Amino acid sequence: MRNVVLHLISCYDLVSYNLLNCKTMTTVSVSPKFQVVIPKEIREALNLFSGQRMEVRLNKGKVEFVPEKTILSYRGRWPGIDSTIVRDADRV
């Protein structure tokens, strides 16, 4: 049986939670229902909440969980961008 490594990736490529500065490595188990509990320190560092949707990816033999971001969270991300839309005359 191959070992499966679970990675939790933030939307900012772990800039907000630097794994190199982690003092302890936490090990979790996969339950009989294939569920995994994310440790509290990591949930808090990545601002995860109950019910949050995650993308699950397989990348080079590793499982990655990437929190989905809402469209609203991108508001104001690119200030100064021209967001005007030129519409056809028959669509106004």
N, C-alpha and C. Protein backbone atom coordinates (compact mmCIF):
# COMPACT_ATOMS: atom_id res chain seq x y z
N MET A 1 0.84 -1.18 0.00
CA MET A 1 0.00 0.00 0.00
C MET A 1 0.88 1.24 0.00
N ARG A 2 0.56 2.19 -0.88
CA ARG A 2 1.34 3.43 -0.96
C ARG A 2 0.95 4.39 0.14
N ASN A 3 1.90 5.17 0.60
CA ASN A 3 1.60 6.22 1.56
C ASN A 3 0.98 7.40 0.84
N VAL A 4 -0.05 7.97 1.42
CA VAL A 4 -0.70 9.13 0.85
C VAL A 4 -0.42 10.31 1.78
N VAL A 5 0.08 11.40 1.23
CA VAL A 5 0.38 12.59 2.01
C VAL A 5 -0.70 13.62 1.74
N LEU A 6 -1.30 14.15 2.79
CA LEU A 6 -2.34 15.15 2.65
C LEU A 6 -1.74 16.53 2.86
N HIS A 7 -1.98 17.43 1.93
CA HIS A 7 -1.49 18.80 2.04
C HIS A 7 -2.68 19.74 2.04
N LEU A 8 -2.65 20.72 2.92
CA LEU A 8 -3.67 21.75 2.94
C LEU A 8 -3.02 23.02 2.43
N ILE A 9 -3.49 23.52 1.30
CA ILE A 9 -2.87 24.66 0.64
C ILE A 9 -3.81 25.85 0.78
N SER A 10 -3.31 26.97 1.24
CA SER A 10 -4.15 28.16 1.30
C SER A 10 -4.20 28.81 -0.07
N CYS A 11 -5.08 29.78 -0.19
CA CYS A 11 -5.22 30.49 -1.46
C CYS A 11 -4.00 31.35 -1.74
N TYR A 12 -3.17 31.56 -0.76
CA TYR A 12 -1.99 32.41 -0.93
C TYR A 12 -0.71 31.58 -0.88
N ASP A 13 -0.80 30.30 -1.25
CA ASP A 13 0.36 29.41 -1.27
C ASP A 13 1.10 29.40 0.07
N LEU A 14 0.32 29.34 1.13
CA LEU A 14 0.84 29.23 2.49
C LEU A 14 1.72 30.39 2.92
N VAL A 15 1.50 31.57 2.33
CA VAL A 15 2.24 32.75 2.77
C VAL A 15 1.82 33.11 4.18
N SER A 16 0.49 32.99 4.45
CA SER A 16 0.00 33.35 5.77
C SER A 16 0.37 32.32 6.83
N TYR A 17 0.70 31.11 6.42
CA TYR A 17 1.09 30.06 7.37
C TYR A 17 2.32 29.38 6.82
N ASN A 18 3.47 29.80 7.28
CA ASN A 18 4.72 29.30 6.75
C ASN A 18 5.06 27.96 7.41
N LEU A 19 5.00 26.88 6.63
CA LEU A 19 5.26 25.56 7.19
C LEU A 19 6.71 25.40 7.65
N LEU A 20 7.61 26.22 7.12
CA LEU A 20 9.00 26.12 7.56
C LEU A 20 9.17 26.57 9.00
N ASN A 21 8.28 27.45 9.47
CA ASN A 21 8.35 27.94 10.84
C ASN A 21 7.54 27.07 11.81
N CYS A 22 6.97 26.01 11.32
CA CYS A 22 6.16 25.11 12.14
C CYS A 22 7.07 24.40 13.13
N LYS A 23 6.74 24.45 14.42
CA LYS A 23 7.59 23.83 15.42
C LYS A 23 7.32 22.33 15.55
N THR A 24 6.09 21.91 15.30
CA THR A 24 5.76 20.50 15.40
C THR A 24 5.04 20.07 14.14
N MET A 25 5.20 18.82 13.82
CA MET A 25 4.49 18.25 12.67
C MET A 25 3.34 17.45 13.23
N THR A 26 2.16 17.68 12.73
CA THR A 26 0.98 16.99 13.22
C THR A 26 0.62 15.85 12.28
N THR A 27 0.33 14.72 12.85
CA THR A 27 -0.10 13.56 12.08
C THR A 27 -1.58 13.34 12.32
N VAL A 28 -2.32 13.07 11.27
CA VAL A 28 -3.75 12.80 11.38
C VAL A 28 -4.02 11.42 10.78
N SER A 29 -5.15 10.86 11.14
CA SER A 29 -5.54 9.55 10.63
C SER A 29 -6.74 9.69 9.71
N VAL A 30 -6.87 8.76 8.80
CA VAL A 30 -8.04 8.69 7.93
C VAL A 30 -9.02 7.74 8.60
N SER A 31 -10.25 8.19 8.80
CA SER A 31 -11.27 7.38 9.48
C SER A 31 -11.79 6.29 8.54
N PRO A 32 -12.56 5.34 9.08
CA PRO A 32 -13.15 4.31 8.21
C PRO A 32 -14.06 4.90 7.12
N LYS A 33 -14.57 6.12 7.34
CA LYS A 33 -15.38 6.80 6.32
C LYS A 33 -14.52 7.69 5.43
N PHE A 34 -13.20 7.56 5.51
CA PHE A 34 -12.23 8.34 4.74
C PHE A 34 -12.31 9.83 5.06
N GLN A 35 -12.55 10.15 6.32
CA GLN A 35 -12.58 11.53 6.77
C GLN A 35 -11.28 11.86 7.48
N VAL A 36 -10.87 13.13 7.39
CA VAL A 36 -9.65 13.61 8.04
C VAL A 36 -10.00 14.87 8.82
N VAL A 37 -9.53 14.96 10.06
CA VAL A 37 -9.74 16.16 10.86
C VAL A 37 -8.53 17.06 10.68
N ILE A 38 -8.78 18.32 10.29
CA ILE A 38 -7.70 19.30 10.13
C ILE A 38 -7.38 19.86 11.51
N PRO A 39 -6.13 19.79 11.94
CA PRO A 39 -5.76 20.28 13.27
C PRO A 39 -6.13 21.75 13.48
N LYS A 40 -6.46 22.08 14.73
CA LYS A 40 -6.92 23.41 15.09
C LYS A 40 -5.94 24.50 14.69
N GLU A 41 -4.63 24.27 14.91
CA GLU A 41 -3.63 25.31 14.57
C GLU A 41 -3.69 25.66 13.08
N ILE A 42 -3.88 24.65 12.26
CA ILE A 42 -3.91 24.89 10.81
C ILE A 42 -5.22 25.55 10.42
N ARG A 43 -6.34 25.12 11.01
CA ARG A 43 -7.64 25.76 10.72
C ARG A 43 -7.60 27.24 11.05
N GLU A 44 -7.01 27.57 12.19
CA GLU A 44 -6.93 28.97 12.60
C GLU A 44 -5.98 29.76 11.71
N ALA A 45 -4.84 29.18 11.36
CA ALA A 45 -3.86 29.88 10.55
C ALA A 45 -4.39 30.18 9.15
N LEU A 46 -5.24 29.28 8.62
CA LEU A 46 -5.78 29.47 7.27
C LEU A 46 -7.19 30.05 7.28
N ASN A 47 -7.69 30.39 8.46
CA ASN A 47 -9.04 30.96 8.60
C ASN A 47 -10.11 30.06 7.98
N LEU A 48 -10.03 28.77 8.24
CA LEU A 48 -11.03 27.83 7.74
C LEU A 48 -12.24 27.84 8.66
N PHE A 49 -13.41 27.55 8.13
CA PHE A 49 -14.62 27.50 8.94
C PHE A 49 -15.44 26.28 8.56
N SER A 50 -16.31 25.89 9.47
CA SER A 50 -17.15 24.72 9.26
C SER A 50 -18.08 24.94 8.07
N GLY A 51 -18.16 23.95 7.21
CA GLY A 51 -19.01 24.05 6.03
C GLY A 51 -18.32 24.66 4.82
N GLN A 52 -17.09 25.11 4.99
CA GLN A 52 -16.37 25.72 3.87
C GLN A 52 -16.10 24.68 2.80
N ARG A 53 -16.26 25.07 1.55
CA ARG A 53 -16.02 24.16 0.43
C ARG A 53 -14.54 24.15 0.09
N MET A 54 -14.05 22.96 -0.28
CA MET A 54 -12.64 22.79 -0.60
C MET A 54 -12.52 22.09 -1.95
N GLU A 55 -11.51 22.48 -2.71
CA GLU A 55 -11.15 21.74 -3.90
C GLU A 55 -10.19 20.64 -3.47
N VAL A 56 -10.36 19.45 -3.99
CA VAL A 56 -9.47 18.34 -3.67
C VAL A 56 -8.74 17.97 -4.96
N ARG A 57 -7.43 18.00 -4.91
CA ARG A 57 -6.60 17.75 -6.10
C ARG A 57 -5.61 16.63 -5.80
N LEU A 58 -5.28 15.88 -6.82
CA LEU A 58 -4.21 14.90 -6.74
C LEU A 58 -3.03 15.46 -7.51
N ASN A 59 -1.90 15.66 -6.83
CA ASN A 59 -0.74 16.30 -7.44
C ASN A 59 0.51 15.50 -7.07
N LYS A 60 1.06 14.78 -8.04
CA LYS A 60 2.30 14.01 -7.85
C LYS A 60 2.23 13.09 -6.64
N GLY A 61 1.14 12.34 -6.52
CA GLY A 61 1.00 11.39 -5.43
C GLY A 61 0.60 12.01 -4.10
N LYS A 62 0.23 13.29 -4.10
CA LYS A 62 -0.19 13.97 -2.89
C LYS A 62 -1.61 14.49 -3.07
N VAL A 63 -2.38 14.46 -1.99
CA VAL A 63 -3.73 15.01 -2.00
C VAL A 63 -3.65 16.43 -1.45
N GLU A 64 -4.18 17.39 -2.19
CA GLU A 64 -4.17 18.79 -1.75
C GLU A 64 -5.60 19.26 -1.54
N PHE A 65 -5.83 19.93 -0.44
CA PHE A 65 -7.12 20.54 -0.15
C PHE A 65 -6.94 22.06 -0.29
N VAL A 66 -7.67 22.65 -1.22
CA VAL A 66 -7.54 24.08 -1.47
C VAL A 66 -8.88 24.75 -1.16
N PRO A 67 -8.92 25.66 -0.18
CA PRO A 67 -10.18 26.33 0.13
C PRO A 67 -10.69 27.13 -1.07
N GLU A 68 -11.97 26.97 -1.39
CA GLU A 68 -12.58 27.76 -2.47
C GLU A 68 -12.77 29.19 -1.97
N LYS A 69 -12.59 30.12 -2.87
CA LYS A 69 -12.84 31.52 -2.53
C LYS A 69 -14.11 31.96 -3.24
N THR A 70 -14.87 32.83 -2.58
CA THR A 70 -16.08 33.36 -3.20
C THR A 70 -15.72 34.50 -4.14
N ILE A 71 -16.59 34.77 -5.08
CA ILE A 71 -16.39 35.89 -6.00
C ILE A 71 -16.31 37.20 -5.21
N LEU A 72 -17.12 37.32 -4.18
CA LEU A 72 -17.13 38.54 -3.37
C LEU A 72 -15.78 38.81 -2.72
N SER A 73 -15.02 37.76 -2.40
CA SER A 73 -13.72 37.96 -1.75
C SER A 73 -12.70 38.60 -2.69
N TYR A 74 -12.96 38.58 -3.98
CA TYR A 74 -12.04 39.21 -4.94
C TYR A 74 -12.35 40.69 -5.16
N ARG A 75 -13.43 41.18 -4.58
CA ARG A 75 -13.80 42.58 -4.76
C ARG A 75 -12.69 43.50 -4.24
N GLY A 76 -12.29 44.45 -5.07
CA GLY A 76 -11.24 45.39 -4.70
C GLY A 76 -9.84 44.86 -4.89
N ARG A 77 -9.70 43.68 -5.44
CA ARG A 77 -8.39 43.05 -5.61
C ARG A 77 -7.52 43.82 -6.60
N TRP A 78 -8.14 44.33 -7.68
CA TRP A 78 -7.39 45.03 -8.73
C TRP A 78 -7.91 46.47 -8.85
N PRO A 79 -7.50 47.35 -7.94
CA PRO A 79 -7.98 48.73 -8.01
C PRO A 79 -7.46 49.43 -9.26
N GLY A 80 -8.31 50.27 -9.84
CA GLY A 80 -7.92 51.04 -11.01
C GLY A 80 -8.18 50.34 -12.32
N ILE A 81 -8.64 49.09 -12.29
CA ILE A 81 -8.92 48.38 -13.53
C ILE A 81 -10.19 48.95 -14.17
N ASP A 82 -10.17 49.09 -15.47
CA ASP A 82 -11.32 49.62 -16.19
C ASP A 82 -12.37 48.52 -16.33
N SER A 83 -13.49 48.68 -15.66
CA SER A 83 -14.53 47.65 -15.68
C SER A 83 -15.75 48.06 -16.49
N THR A 84 -15.60 49.10 -17.32
CA THR A 84 -16.73 49.50 -18.16
C THR A 84 -16.92 48.50 -19.28
N ILE A 85 -18.16 48.31 -19.64
CA ILE A 85 -18.51 47.34 -20.68
C ILE A 85 -19.20 48.10 -21.82
N VAL A 86 -18.69 47.95 -23.02
CA VAL A 86 -19.32 48.54 -24.18
C VAL A 86 -20.33 47.52 -24.69
N ARG A 87 -21.61 47.94 -24.73
CA ARG A 87 -22.66 47.03 -25.15
C ARG A 87 -23.12 47.38 -26.55
N ASP A 88 -23.61 46.38 -27.27
CA ASP A 88 -24.20 46.61 -28.57
C ASP A 88 -25.48 47.40 -28.39
N ALA A 89 -25.82 48.23 -29.38
CA ALA A 89 -27.00 49.11 -29.28
C ALA A 89 -28.28 48.32 -29.06
N ASP A 90 -28.37 47.13 -29.62
CA ASP A 90 -29.61 46.35 -29.48
C ASP A 90 -29.69 45.61 -28.15
N ARG A 91 -28.67 45.72 -27.31
CA ARG A 91 -28.65 45.03 -26.00
C ARG A 91 -28.84 45.97 -24.83
N VAL A 92 -29.02 47.26 -25.08
CA VAL A 92 -29.13 48.24 -24.00
C VAL A 92 -30.53 48.24 -23.42
